[in-house]
PDB file of N, CA and C in Angstrom:
ATOM      1  N   MET A   1       0.811  -1.188   0.000  1.00  0.00           N
ATOM      2  CA  MET A   1       0.000   0.000   0.000  1.00  0.00           C
ATOM      3  C   MET A   1       0.863   1.265   0.000  1.00  0.00           C
ATOM      4  N   ILE A   2       1.979   1.221   0.703  1.00  0.00           N
ATOM      5  CA  ILE A   2       2.846   2.400   0.799  1.00  0.00           C
ATOM      6  C   ILE A   2       3.328   2.846  -0.587  1.00  0.00           C
ATOM      7  N   PRO A   3       3.811   1.946  -1.454  1.00  0.00           N
ATOM      8  CA  PRO A   3       4.251   2.399  -2.785  1.00  0.00           C
ATOM      9  C   PRO A   3       3.119   3.053  -3.594  1.00  0.00           C
ATOM     10  N   PHE A   4       1.898   2.517  -3.480  1.00  0.00           N
ATOM     11  CA  PHE A   4       0.776   3.112  -4.200  1.00  0.00           C
ATOM     12  C   PHE A   4       0.525   4.540  -3.714  1.00  0.00           C
ATOM     13  N   VAL A   5       0.433   4.735  -2.403  1.00  0.00           N
ATOM     14  CA  VAL A   5       0.194   6.079  -1.853  1.00  0.00           C
ATOM     15  C   VAL A   5       1.347   7.006  -2.228  1.00  0.00           C
ATOM     16  N   LYS A   6       2.575   6.514  -2.120  1.00  0.00           N
ATOM     17  CA  LYS A   6       3.752   7.316  -2.464  1.00  0.00           C
ATOM     18  C   LYS A   6       3.666   7.811  -3.913  1.00  0.00           C
ATOM     19  N   SER A   7       3.146   6.991  -4.791  1.00  0.00           N
ATOM     20  CA  SER A   7       3.050   7.392  -6.201  1.00  0.00           C
ATOM     21  C   SER A   7       2.075   8.549  -6.406  1.00  0.00           C
ATOM     22  N   LYS A   8       1.230   8.825  -5.441  1.00  0.00           N
ATOM     23  CA  LYS A   8       0.244   9.907  -5.557  1.00  0.00           C
ATOM     24  C   LYS A   8       0.699  11.219  -4.937  1.00  0.00           C
ATOM     25  N   VAL A   9       1.795  11.197  -4.141  1.00  0.00           N
ATOM     26  CA  VAL A   9       2.194  12.402  -3.406  1.00  0.00           C
ATOM     27  C   VAL A   9       3.623  12.851  -3.682  1.00  0.00           C
ATOM     28  N   GLY A  10       4.293  12.244  -4.627  1.00  0.00           N
ATOM     29  CA  GLY A  10       5.628  12.700  -5.004  1.00  0.00           C
ATOM     30  C   GLY A  10       6.659  12.564  -3.904  1.00  0.00           C
ATOM     31  N   SER A  11       7.298  13.664  -3.551  1.00  0.00           N
ATOM     32  CA  SER A  11       8.418  13.619  -2.607  1.00  0.00           C
ATOM     33  C   SER A  11       7.988  13.615  -1.139  1.00  0.00           C
ATOM     34  N   VAL A  12       6.705  13.631  -0.857  1.00  0.00           N
ATOM     35  CA  VAL A  12       6.213  13.617   0.521  1.00  0.00           C
ATOM     36  C   VAL A  12       6.518  12.263   1.151  1.00  0.00           C
ATOM     37  N   THR A  13       6.962  12.264   2.396  1.00  0.00           N
ATOM     38  CA  THR A  13       7.236  11.023   3.124  1.00  0.00           C
ATOM     39  C   THR A  13       5.934  10.263   3.359  1.00  0.00           C
ATOM     40  N   VAL A  14       5.956   8.939   3.099  1.00  0.00           N
ATOM     41  CA  VAL A  14       4.801   8.069   3.315  1.00  0.00           C
ATOM     42  C   VAL A  14       5.280   6.849   4.093  1.00  0.00           C
ATOM     43  N   ALA A  15       4.550   6.478   5.146  1.00  0.00           N
ATOM     44  CA  ALA A  15       4.905   5.309   5.944  1.00  0.00           C
ATOM     45  C   ALA A  15       3.672   4.788   6.666  1.00  0.00           C
ATOM     46  N   SER A  16       3.806   3.623   7.274  1.00  0.00           N
ATOM     47  CA  SER A  16       2.701   3.061   8.058  1.00  0.00           C
ATOM     48  C   SER A  16       2.781   3.467   9.523  1.00  0.00           C
ATOM     49  N   LYS A  17       3.924   3.987   9.943  1.00  0.00           N
ATOM     50  CA  LYS A  17       4.103   4.491  11.306  1.00  0.00           C
ATOM     51  C   LYS A  17       4.615   5.922  11.227  1.00  0.00           C
ATOM     52  N   VAL A  18       4.292   6.716  12.224  1.00  0.00           N
ATOM     53  CA  VAL A  18       4.743   8.105  12.255  1.00  0.00           C
ATOM     54  C   VAL A  18       6.224   8.128  12.615  1.00  0.00           C
ATOM     55  N   PRO A  19       7.073   8.726  11.762  1.00  0.00           N
ATOM     56  CA  PRO A  19       8.503   8.778  12.070  1.00  0.00           C
ATOM     57  C   PRO A  19       8.789   9.780  13.186  1.00  0.00           C
ATOM     58  N   ASN A  20       9.898   9.561  13.845  1.00  0.00           N
ATOM     59  CA  ASN A  20      10.343  10.469  14.899  1.00  0.00           C
ATOM     60  C   ASN A  20      11.727  10.968  14.528  1.00  0.00           C
ATOM     61  N   PRO A  21      11.889  12.245  14.211  1.00  0.00           N
ATOM     62  CA  PRO A  21      10.887  13.307  14.279  1.00  0.00           C
ATOM     63  C   PRO A  21       9.955  13.247  13.067  1.00  0.00           C
ATOM     64  N   ARG A  22       8.728  13.680  13.274  1.00  0.00           N
ATOM     65  CA  ARG A  22       7.735  13.689  12.206  1.00  0.00           C
ATOM     66  C   ARG A  22       7.989  14.871  11.272  1.00  0.00           C
ATOM     67  N   PRO A  23       8.042  14.633   9.955  1.00  0.00           N
ATOM     68  CA  PRO A  23       8.196  15.735   9.003  1.00  0.00           C
ATOM     69  C   PRO A  23       6.991  16.675   9.060  1.00  0.00           C
ATOM     70  N   GLY A  24       7.157  17.901   8.598  1.00  0.00           N
ATOM     71  CA  GLY A  24       6.057  18.856   8.577  1.00  0.00           C
ATOM     72  C   GLY A  24       4.939  18.429   7.643  1.00  0.00           C
ATOM     73  N   THR A  25       5.311  17.792   6.532  1.00  0.00           N
ATOM     74  CA  THR A  25       4.340  17.244   5.590  1.00  0.00           C
ATOM     75  C   THR A  25       4.594  15.744   5.519  1.00  0.00           C
ATOM     76  N   PHE A  26       3.549  14.958   5.764  1.00  0.00           N
ATOM     77  CA  PHE A  26       3.732  13.528   5.931  1.00  0.00           C
ATOM     78  C   PHE A  26       2.405  12.808   5.718  1.00  0.00           C
ATOM     79  N   VAL A  27       2.465  11.590   5.144  1.00  0.00           N
ATOM     80  CA  VAL A  27       1.278  10.753   4.970  1.00  0.00           C
ATOM     81  C   VAL A  27       1.505   9.428   5.673  1.00  0.00           C
ATOM     82  N   ARG A  28       0.523   9.034   6.458  1.00  0.00           N
ATOM     83  CA  ARG A  28       0.532   7.715   7.111  1.00  0.00           C
ATOM     84  C   ARG A  28      -0.642   6.917   6.561  1.00  0.00           C
ATOM     85  N   ALA A  29      -0.374   5.711   6.071  1.00  0.00           N
ATOM     86  CA  ALA A  29      -1.419   4.818   5.569  1.00  0.00           C
ATOM     87  C   ALA A  29      -1.252   3.463   6.245  1.00  0.00           C
ATOM     88  N   TRP A  30      -2.342   2.935   6.792  1.00  0.00           N
ATOM     89  CA  TRP A  30      -2.246   1.658   7.482  1.00  0.00           C
ATOM     90  C   TRP A  30      -3.568   0.902   7.412  1.00  0.00           C
ATOM     91  N   VAL A  31      -3.459  -0.432   7.540  1.00  0.00           N
ATOM     92  CA  VAL A  31      -4.635  -1.296   7.601  1.00  0.00           C
ATOM     93  C   VAL A  31      -5.161  -1.247   9.031  1.00  0.00           C
ATOM     94  N   ASN A  32      -6.454  -0.924   9.177  1.00  0.00           N
ATOM     95  CA  ASN A  32      -7.006  -0.874  10.528  1.00  0.00           C
ATOM     96  C   ASN A  32      -8.227  -1.754  10.710  1.00  0.00           C
ATOM     97  N   GLY A  33      -8.462  -2.655   9.781  1.00  0.00           N
ATOM     98  CA  GLY A  33      -9.590  -3.572   9.952  1.00  0.00           C
ATOM     99  C   GLY A  33      -9.902  -4.300   8.667  1.00  0.00           C
ATOM    100  N   GLY A  34     -10.989  -5.041   8.735  1.00  0.00           N
ATOM    101  CA  GLY A  34     -11.436  -5.811   7.591  1.00  0.00           C
ATOM    102  C   GLY A  34     -11.817  -7.211   8.011  1.00  0.00           C
ATOM    103  N   ALA A  35     -12.302  -7.990   7.067  1.00  0.00           N
ATOM    104  CA  ALA A  35     -12.729  -9.360   7.347  1.00  0.00           C
ATOM    105  C   ALA A  35     -12.894 -10.112   6.035  1.00  0.00           C
ATOM    106  N   ALA A  36     -12.930 -11.450   6.146  1.00  0.00           N
ATOM    107  CA  ALA A  36     -13.188 -12.271   4.970  1.00  0.00           C
ATOM    108  C   ALA A  36     -14.637 -12.072   4.528  1.00  0.00           C
ATOM    109  N   ILE A  37     -14.853 -11.966   3.234  1.00  0.00           N
ATOM    110  CA  ILE A  37     -16.201 -11.900   2.671  1.00  0.00           C
ATOM    111  C   ILE A  37     -16.675 -13.314   2.347  1.00  0.00           C
ATOM    112  N   ASN A  38     -15.772 -14.084   1.773  1.00  0.00           N
ATOM    113  CA  ASN A  38     -16.020 -15.492   1.437  1.00  0.00           C
ATOM    114  C   ASN A  38     -14.645 -16.136   1.273  1.00  0.00           C
ATOM    115  N   PRO A  39     -14.555 -17.390   0.851  1.00  0.00           N
ATOM    116  CA  PRO A  39     -13.232 -18.013   0.724  1.00  0.00           C
ATOM    117  C   PRO A  39     -12.304 -17.364  -0.294  1.00  0.00           C
ATOM    118  N   VAL A  40     -12.830 -16.535  -1.180  1.00  0.00           N
ATOM    119  CA  VAL A  40     -12.031 -15.950  -2.250  1.00  0.00           C
ATOM    120  C   VAL A  40     -11.737 -14.470  -2.043  1.00  0.00           C
ATOM    121  N   LEU A  41     -12.625 -13.739  -1.365  1.00  0.00           N
ATOM    122  CA  LEU A  41     -12.486 -12.288  -1.234  1.00  0.00           C
ATOM    123  C   LEU A  41     -12.381 -11.842   0.221  1.00  0.00           C
ATOM    124  N   GLU A  42     -11.617 -10.760   0.429  1.00  0.00           N
ATOM    125  CA  GLU A  42     -11.506 -10.117   1.737  1.00  0.00           C
ATOM    126  C   GLU A  42     -11.789  -8.634   1.581  1.00  0.00           C
ATOM    127  N   ARG A  43     -12.251  -8.031   2.659  1.00  0.00           N
ATOM    128  CA  ARG A  43     -12.440  -6.579   2.716  1.00  0.00           C
ATOM    129  C   ARG A  43     -11.380  -6.045   3.666  1.00  0.00           C
ATOM    130  N   VAL A  44     -10.549  -5.131   3.169  1.00  0.00           N
ATOM    131  CA  VAL A  44      -9.464  -4.551   3.956  1.00  0.00           C
ATOM    132  C   VAL A  44      -9.724  -3.053   4.101  1.00  0.00           C
ATOM    133  N   VAL A  45      -9.745  -2.560   5.347  1.00  0.00           N
ATOM    134  CA  VAL A  45      -9.976  -1.144   5.593  1.00  0.00           C
ATOM    135  C   VAL A  45      -8.630  -0.444   5.761  1.00  0.00           C
ATOM    136  N   ILE A  46      -8.417   0.600   4.973  1.00  0.00           N
ATOM    137  CA  ILE A  46      -7.190   1.393   5.000  1.00  0.00           C
ATOM    138  C   ILE A  46      -7.545   2.790   5.497  1.00  0.00           C
ATOM    139  N   THR A  47      -6.790   3.295   6.468  1.00  0.00           N
ATOM    140  CA  THR A  47      -6.959   4.670   6.924  1.00  0.00           C
ATOM    141  C   THR A  47      -5.724   5.456   6.508  1.00  0.00           C
ATOM    142  N   VAL A  48      -5.960   6.696   6.068  1.00  0.00           N
ATOM    143  CA  VAL A  48      -4.884   7.568   5.603  1.00  0.00           C
ATOM    144  C   VAL A  48      -4.951   8.873   6.389  1.00  0.00           C
ATOM    145  N   ASP A  49      -3.831   9.252   7.010  1.00  0.00           N
ATOM    146  CA  ASP A  49      -3.677  10.552   7.669  1.00  0.00           C
ATOM    147  C   ASP A  49      -2.709  11.386   6.846  1.00  0.00           C
ATOM    148  N   CYS A  50      -3.048  12.666   6.658  1.00  0.00           N
ATOM    149  CA  CYS A  50      -2.194  13.582   5.899  1.00  0.00           C
ATOM    150  C   CYS A  50      -1.918  14.815   6.748  1.00  0.00           C
ATOM    151  N   TRP A  51      -0.657  14.991   7.163  1.00  0.00           N
ATOM    152  CA  TRP A  51      -0.236  16.153   7.939  1.00  0.00           C
ATOM    153  C   TRP A  51       0.401  17.177   7.008  1.00  0.00           C
ATOM    154  N   ALA A  52       0.200  18.444   7.309  1.00  0.00           N
ATOM    155  CA  ALA A  52       0.825  19.519   6.534  1.00  0.00           C
ATOM    156  C   ALA A  52       0.846  20.786   7.381  1.00  0.00           C
ATOM    157  N   PRO A  53       1.643  21.784   6.973  1.00  0.00           N
ATOM    158  CA  PRO A  53       1.746  23.029   7.740  1.00  0.00           C
ATOM    159  C   PRO A  53       0.454  23.841   7.800  1.00  0.00           C
ATOM    160  N   SER A  54      -0.480  23.609   6.860  1.00  0.00           N
ATOM    161  CA  SER A  54      -1.745  24.341   6.905  1.00  0.00           C
ATOM    162  C   SER A  54      -2.895  23.381   6.640  1.00  0.00           C
ATOM    163  N   ILE A  55      -4.086  23.770   7.066  1.00  0.00           N
ATOM    164  CA  ILE A  55      -5.273  22.955   6.857  1.00  0.00           C
ATOM    165  C   ILE A  55      -5.565  22.789   5.363  1.00  0.00           C
ATOM    166  N   VAL A  56      -5.289  23.828   4.582  1.00  0.00           N
ATOM    167  CA  VAL A  56      -5.508  23.757   3.133  1.00  0.00           C
ATOM    168  C   VAL A  56      -4.566  22.739   2.510  1.00  0.00           C
ATOM    169  N   GLN A  57      -3.291  22.770   2.886  1.00  0.00           N
ATOM    170  CA  GLN A  57      -2.322  21.816   2.333  1.00  0.00           C
ATOM    171  C   GLN A  57      -2.649  20.387   2.750  1.00  0.00           C
ATOM    172  N   ALA A  58      -3.062  20.196   4.001  1.00  0.00           N
ATOM    173  CA  ALA A  58      -3.438  18.857   4.462  1.00  0.00           C
ATOM    174  C   ALA A  58      -4.642  18.337   3.681  1.00  0.00           C
ATOM    175  N   SER A  59      -5.611  19.212   3.432  1.00  0.00           N
ATOM    176  CA  SER A  59      -6.792  18.846   2.656  1.00  0.00           C
ATOM    177  C   SER A  59      -6.419  18.482   1.223  1.00  0.00           C
ATOM    178  N   GLN A  60      -5.535  19.258   0.613  1.00  0.00           N
ATOM    179  CA  GLN A  60      -5.110  18.983  -0.768  1.00  0.00           C
ATOM    180  C   GLN A  60      -4.360  17.658  -0.860  1.00  0.00           C
ATOM    181  N   LEU A  61      -3.531  17.384   0.111  1.00  0.00           N
ATOM    182  CA  LEU A  61      -2.782  16.129   0.143  1.00  0.00           C
ATOM    183  C   LEU A  61      -3.745  14.947   0.271  1.00  0.00           C
ATOM    184  N   ALA A  62      -4.705  15.049   1.181  1.00  0.00           N
ATOM    185  CA  ALA A  62      -5.693  13.979   1.357  1.00  0.00           C
ATOM    186  C   ALA A  62      -6.511  13.787   0.080  1.00  0.00           C
ATOM    187  N   SER A  63      -6.877  14.868  -0.562  1.00  0.00           N
ATOM    188  CA  SER A  63      -7.648  14.775  -1.808  1.00  0.00           C
ATOM    189  C   SER A  63      -6.866  14.060  -2.904  1.00  0.00           C
ATOM    190  N   ALA A  64      -5.569  14.332  -2.987  1.00  0.00           N
ATOM    191  CA  ALA A  64      -4.739  13.687  -4.005  1.00  0.00           C
ATOM    192  C   ALA A  64      -4.677  12.175  -3.787  1.00  0.00           C
ATOM    193  N   VAL A  65      -4.509  11.763  -2.540  1.00  0.00           N
ATOM    194  CA  VAL A  65      -4.446  10.325  -2.246  1.00  0.00           C
ATOM    195  C   VAL A  65      -5.809   9.688  -2.472  1.00  0.00           C
ATOM    196  N   ARG A  66      -6.860  10.342  -1.986  1.00  0.00           N
ATOM    197  CA  ARG A  66      -8.226   9.819  -2.153  1.00  0.00           C
ATOM    198  C   ARG A  66      -8.548   9.612  -3.630  1.00  0.00           C
ATOM    199  N   GLU A  67      -8.272  10.614  -4.460  1.00  0.00           N
ATOM    200  CA  GLU A  67      -8.539  10.499  -5.893  1.00  0.00           C
ATOM    201  C   GLU A  67      -7.747   9.343  -6.503  1.00  0.00           C
ATOM    202  N   GLY A  68      -6.535   9.131  -5.993  1.00  0.00           N
ATOM    203  CA  GLY A  68      -5.731   8.022  -6.486  1.00  0.00           C
ATOM    204  C   GLY A  68      -6.402   6.678  -6.288  1.00  0.00           C
ATOM    205  N   PHE A  69      -7.074   6.504  -5.146  1.00  0.00           N
ATOM    206  CA  PHE A  69      -7.758   5.241  -4.890  1.00  0.00           C
ATOM    207  C   PHE A  69      -8.887   5.002  -5.894  1.00  0.00           C
ATOM    208  N   PHE A  70      -9.540   6.065  -6.332  1.00  0.00           N
ATOM    209  CA  PHE A  70     -10.680   5.905  -7.223  1.00  0.00           C
ATOM    210  C   PHE A  70     -10.331   5.991  -8.697  1.00  0.00           C
ATOM    211  N   ARG A  71      -9.197   6.586  -9.028  1.00  0.00           N
ATOM    212  CA  ARG A  71      -8.874   6.813 -10.439  1.00  0.00           C
ATOM    213  C   ARG A  71      -7.685   5.993 -10.929  1.00  0.00           C
ATOM    214  N   SER A  72      -7.124   5.160 -10.092  1.00  0.00           N
ATOM    215  CA  SER A  72      -5.946   4.380 -10.472  1.00  0.00           C
ATOM    216  C   SER A  72      -6.155   2.915 -10.127  1.00  0.00           C
ATOM    217  N   THR A  73      -5.368   2.064 -10.743  1.00  0.00           N
ATOM    218  CA  THR A  73      -5.337   0.668 -10.334  1.00  0.00           C
ATOM    219  C   THR A  73      -4.482   0.590  -9.088  1.00  0.00           C
ATOM    220  N   VAL A  74      -5.106   0.267  -7.962  1.00  0.00           N
ATOM    221  CA  VAL A  74      -4.395   0.209  -6.695  1.00  0.00           C
ATOM    222  C   VAL A  74      -3.419  -0.964  -6.704  1.00  0.00           C
ATOM    223  N   HIS A  75      -3.919  -2.120  -7.109  1.00  0.00           N
ATOM    224  CA  HIS A  75      -3.137  -3.353  -7.162  1.00  0.00           C
ATOM    225  C   HIS A  75      -3.945  -4.337  -8.001  1.00  0.00           C
ATOM    226  N   PRO A  76      -3.305  -5.233  -8.736  1.00  0.00           N
ATOM    227  CA  PRO A  76      -4.065  -6.167  -9.581  1.00  0.00           C
ATOM    228  C   PRO A  76      -5.073  -7.033  -8.815  1.00  0.00           C
ATOM    229  N   LEU A  77      -4.837  -7.283  -7.527  1.00  0.00           N
ATOM    230  CA  LEU A  77      -5.761  -8.114  -6.754  1.00  0.00           C
ATOM    231  C   LEU A  77      -6.948  -7.339  -6.178  1.00  0.00           C
ATOM    232  N   VAL A  78      -6.928  -6.000  -6.281  1.00  0.00           N
ATOM    233  CA  VAL A  78      -8.030  -5.187  -5.758  1.00  0.00           C
ATOM    234  C   VAL A  78      -9.186  -5.222  -6.754  1.00  0.00           C
ATOM    235  N   ARG A  79     -10.348  -5.658  -6.268  1.00  0.00           N
ATOM    236  CA  ARG A  79     -11.534  -5.775  -7.113  1.00  0.00           C
ATOM    237  C   ARG A  79     -12.475  -4.584  -6.992  1.00  0.00           C
ATOM    238  N   ARG A  80     -12.416  -3.881  -5.847  1.00  0.00           N
ATOM    239  CA  ARG A  80     -13.343  -2.766  -5.615  1.00  0.00           C
ATOM    240  C   ARG A  80     -12.763  -1.837  -4.559  1.00  0.00           C
ATOM    241  N   VAL A  81     -13.033  -0.534  -4.714  1.00  0.00           N
ATOM    242  CA  VAL A  81     -12.654   0.476  -3.723  1.00  0.00           C
ATOM    243  C   VAL A  81     -13.938   1.164  -3.272  1.00  0.00           C
ATOM    244  N   GLU A  82     -14.148   1.212  -1.967  1.00  0.00           N
ATOM    245  CA  GLU A  82     -15.344   1.835  -1.396  1.00  0.00           C
ATOM    246  C   GLU A  82     -14.918   2.839  -0.333  1.00  0.00           C
ATOM    247  N   GLU A  83     -15.482   4.025  -0.374  1.00  0.00           N
ATOM    248  CA  GLU A  83     -15.147   5.041   0.624  1.00  0.00           C
ATOM    249  C   GLU A  83     -15.905   4.757   1.925  1.00  0.00           C
ATOM    250  N   ILE A  84     -15.175   4.759   3.037  1.00  0.00           N
ATOM    251  CA  ILE A  84     -15.783   4.595   4.359  1.00  0.00           C
ATOM    252  C   ILE A  84     -16.061   5.975   4.957  1.00  0.00           C
ATOM    253  N   THR A  85     -15.050   6.831   4.942  1.00  0.00           N
ATOM    254  CA  THR A  85     -15.228   8.222   5.364  1.00  0.00           C
ATOM    255  C   THR A  85     -14.521   9.115   4.356  1.00  0.00           C
ATOM    256  N   ARG A  86     -15.153  10.211   4.009  1.00  0.00           N
ATOM    257  CA  ARG A  86     -14.513  11.193   3.136  1.00  0.00           C
ATOM    258  C   ARG A  86     -13.460  11.927   3.955  1.00  0.00           C
ATOM    259  N   PRO A  87     -12.510  12.614   3.327  1.00  0.00           N
ATOM    260  CA  PRO A  87     -11.515  13.362   4.093  1.00  0.00           C
ATOM    261  C   PRO A  87     -12.168  14.384   5.031  1.00  0.00           C
ATOM    262  N   TYR A  88     -11.669  14.408   6.248  1.00  0.00           N
ATOM    263  CA  TYR A  88     -12.178  15.364   7.240  1.00  0.00           C
ATOM    264  C   TYR A  88     -11.014  15.866   8.084  1.00  0.00           C
ATOM    265  N   SER A  89     -11.189  17.051   8.645  1.00  0.00           N
ATOM    266  CA  SER A  89     -10.144  17.666   9.466  1.00  0.00           C
ATOM    267  C   SER A  89     -10.026  16.928  10.793  1.00  0.00           C
ATOM    268  N   GLN A  90      -8.789  16.569  11.132  1.00  0.00           N
ATOM    269  CA  GLN A  90      -8.503  15.849  12.377  1.00  0.00           C
ATOM    270  C   GLN A  90      -7.178  16.390  12.929  1.00  0.00           C
ATOM    271  N   PRO A  91      -7.138  17.699  13.294  1.00  0.00           N
ATOM    272  CA  PRO A  91      -5.863  18.274  13.751  1.00  0.00           C
ATOM    273  C   PRO A  91      -5.384  17.614  15.048  1.00  0.00           C
ATOM    274  N   ASP A  92      -4.068  17.535  15.198  1.00  0.00           N
ATOM    275  CA  ASP A  92      -3.520  17.061  16.469  1.00  0.00           C
ATOM    276  C   ASP A  92      -3.014  18.266  17.256  1.00  0.00           C
ATOM    277  N   GLU A  93      -2.277  18.031  18.302  1.00  0.00           N
ATOM    278  CA  GLU A  93      -1.846  19.111  19.198  1.00  0.00           C
ATOM    279  C   GLU A  93      -0.937  20.135  18.531  1.00  0.00           C
ATOM    280  N   THR A  94      -0.202  19.708  17.507  1.00  0.00           N
ATOM    281  CA  THR A  94       0.824  20.599  16.953  1.00  0.00           C
ATOM    282  C   THR A  94       0.681  20.916  15.476  1.00  0.00           C
ATOM    283  N   SER A  95      -0.229  20.258  14.766  1.00  0.00           N
ATOM    284  CA  SER A  95      -0.286  20.493  13.319  1.00  0.00           C
ATOM    285  C   SER A  95      -1.657  20.161  12.754  1.00  0.00           C
ATOM    286  N   ASP A  96      -1.820  20.531  11.486  1.00  0.00           N
ATOM    287  CA  ASP A  96      -3.064  20.259  10.777  1.00  0.00           C
ATOM    288  C   ASP A  96      -2.995  18.884  10.132  1.00  0.00           C
ATOM    289  N   ARG A  97      -4.130  18.181  10.182  1.00  0.00           N
ATOM    290  CA  ARG A  97      -4.177  16.818   9.643  1.00  0.00           C
ATOM    291  C   ARG A  97      -5.557  16.569   9.053  1.00  0.00           C
ATOM    292  N   TYR A  98      -5.580  15.847   7.941  1.00  0.00           N
ATOM    293  CA  TYR A  98      -6.816  15.356   7.352  1.00  0.00           C
ATOM    294  C   TYR A  98      -6.765  13.841   7.347  1.00  0.00           C
ATOM    295  N   ARG A  99      -7.929  13.186   7.536  1.00  0.00           N
ATOM    296  CA  ARG A  99      -8.004  11.722   7.612  1.00  0.00           C
ATOM    297  C   ARG A  99      -9.170  11.233   6.761  1.00  0.00           C
ATOM    298  N   PHE A 100      -9.006  10.054   6.168  1.00  0.00           N
ATOM    299  CA  PHE A 100     -10.103   9.360   5.499  1.00  0.00           C
ATOM    300  C   PHE A 100      -9.829   7.867   5.510  1.00  0.00           C
ATOM    301  N   SER A 101     -10.869   7.086   5.241  1.00  0.00           N
ATOM    302  CA  SER A 101     -10.725   5.629   5.184  1.00  0.00           C
ATOM    303  C   SER A 101     -11.424   5.079   3.957  1.00  0.00           C
ATOM    304  N   VAL A 102     -10.830   4.044   3.388  1.00  0.00           N
ATOM    305  CA  VAL A 102     -11.415   3.326   2.263  1.00  0.00           C
ATOM    306  C   VAL A 102     -11.399   1.836   2.582  1.00  0.00           C
ATOM    307  N   ALA A 103     -12.305   1.103   1.942  1.00  0.00           N
ATOM    308  CA  ALA A 103     -12.317  -0.358   2.053  1.00  0.00           C
ATOM    309  C   ALA A 103     -11.989  -0.924   0.682  1.00  0.00           C
ATOM    310  N   LEU A 104     -11.047  -1.837   0.651  1.00  0.00           N
ATOM    311  CA  LEU A 104     -10.654  -2.494  -0.588  1.00  0.00           C
ATOM    312  C   LEU A 104     -11.179  -3.925  -0.555  1.00  0.00           C
ATOM    313  N   THR A 105     -11.859  -4.342  -1.603  1.00  0.00           N
ATOM    314  CA  THR A 105     -12.218  -5.739  -1.748  1.00  0.00           C
ATOM    315  C   THR A 105     -11.105  -6.366  -2.568  1.00  0.00           C
ATOM    316  N   ILE A 106     -10.447  -7.365  -1.961  1.00  0.00           N
ATOM    317  CA  ILE A 106      -9.276  -7.956  -2.615  1.00  0.00           C
ATOM    318  C   ILE A 106      -9.422  -9.473  -2.734  1.00  0.00           C
ATOM    319  N   ARG A 107      -8.720 -10.001  -3.694  1.00  0.00           N
ATOM    320  CA  ARG A 107      -8.639 -11.465  -3.806  1.00  0.00           C
ATOM    321  C   ARG A 107      -7.802 -11.942  -2.628  1.00  0.00           C
ATOM    322  N   ALA A 108      -8.355 -12.858  -1.872  1.00  0.00           N
ATOM    323  CA  ALA A 108      -7.706 -13.326  -0.651  1.00  0.00           C
ATOM    324  C   ALA A 108      -6.552 -14.258  -0.950  1.00  0.00           C
ATOM    325  N   THR A 109      -5.573 -14.237  -0.069  1.00  0.00           N
ATOM    326  CA  THR A 109      -4.480 -15.217  -0.127  1.00  0.00           C
ATOM    327  C   THR A 109      -4.662 -16.133   1.068  1.00  0.00           C
ATOM    328  N   ARG A 110      -4.975 -17.369   0.799  1.00  0.00           N
ATOM    329  CA  ARG A 110      -5.203 -18.367   1.840  1.00  0.00           C
ATOM    330  C   ARG A 110      -4.060 -19.379   1.814  1.00  0.00           C
ATOM    331  N   HIS A 111      -3.654 -19.817   2.980  1.00  0.00           N
ATOM    332  CA  HIS A 111      -2.581 -20.831   3.071  1.00  0.00           C
ATOM    333  C   HIS A 111      -3.138 -22.142   3.560  1.00  0.00           C
TER     334      HIS A 111
END
């Protein structure tokens, strides 16, 4: 997931964990839920946080990633992209942040 998100934001740092020290502009994408739909398909919930020096920049960054999920091939195994929450302001103590979540229906890998 990280390479896909990175392809939508250029030189902005993207990771699944917040680095220390955290850059002023940064994207965090991580799996925070999901479940099997049937023996062949799974639903995976991805949450994306976008930090930036201003609320406008954070919103623009979140919009770029969000549009990427709907306008690009995320991965060959992804069958469907569904929005769980649209981007919304979620500032933390020190900076502006926007957050959204999507659910991906993917071909399951069973062992």
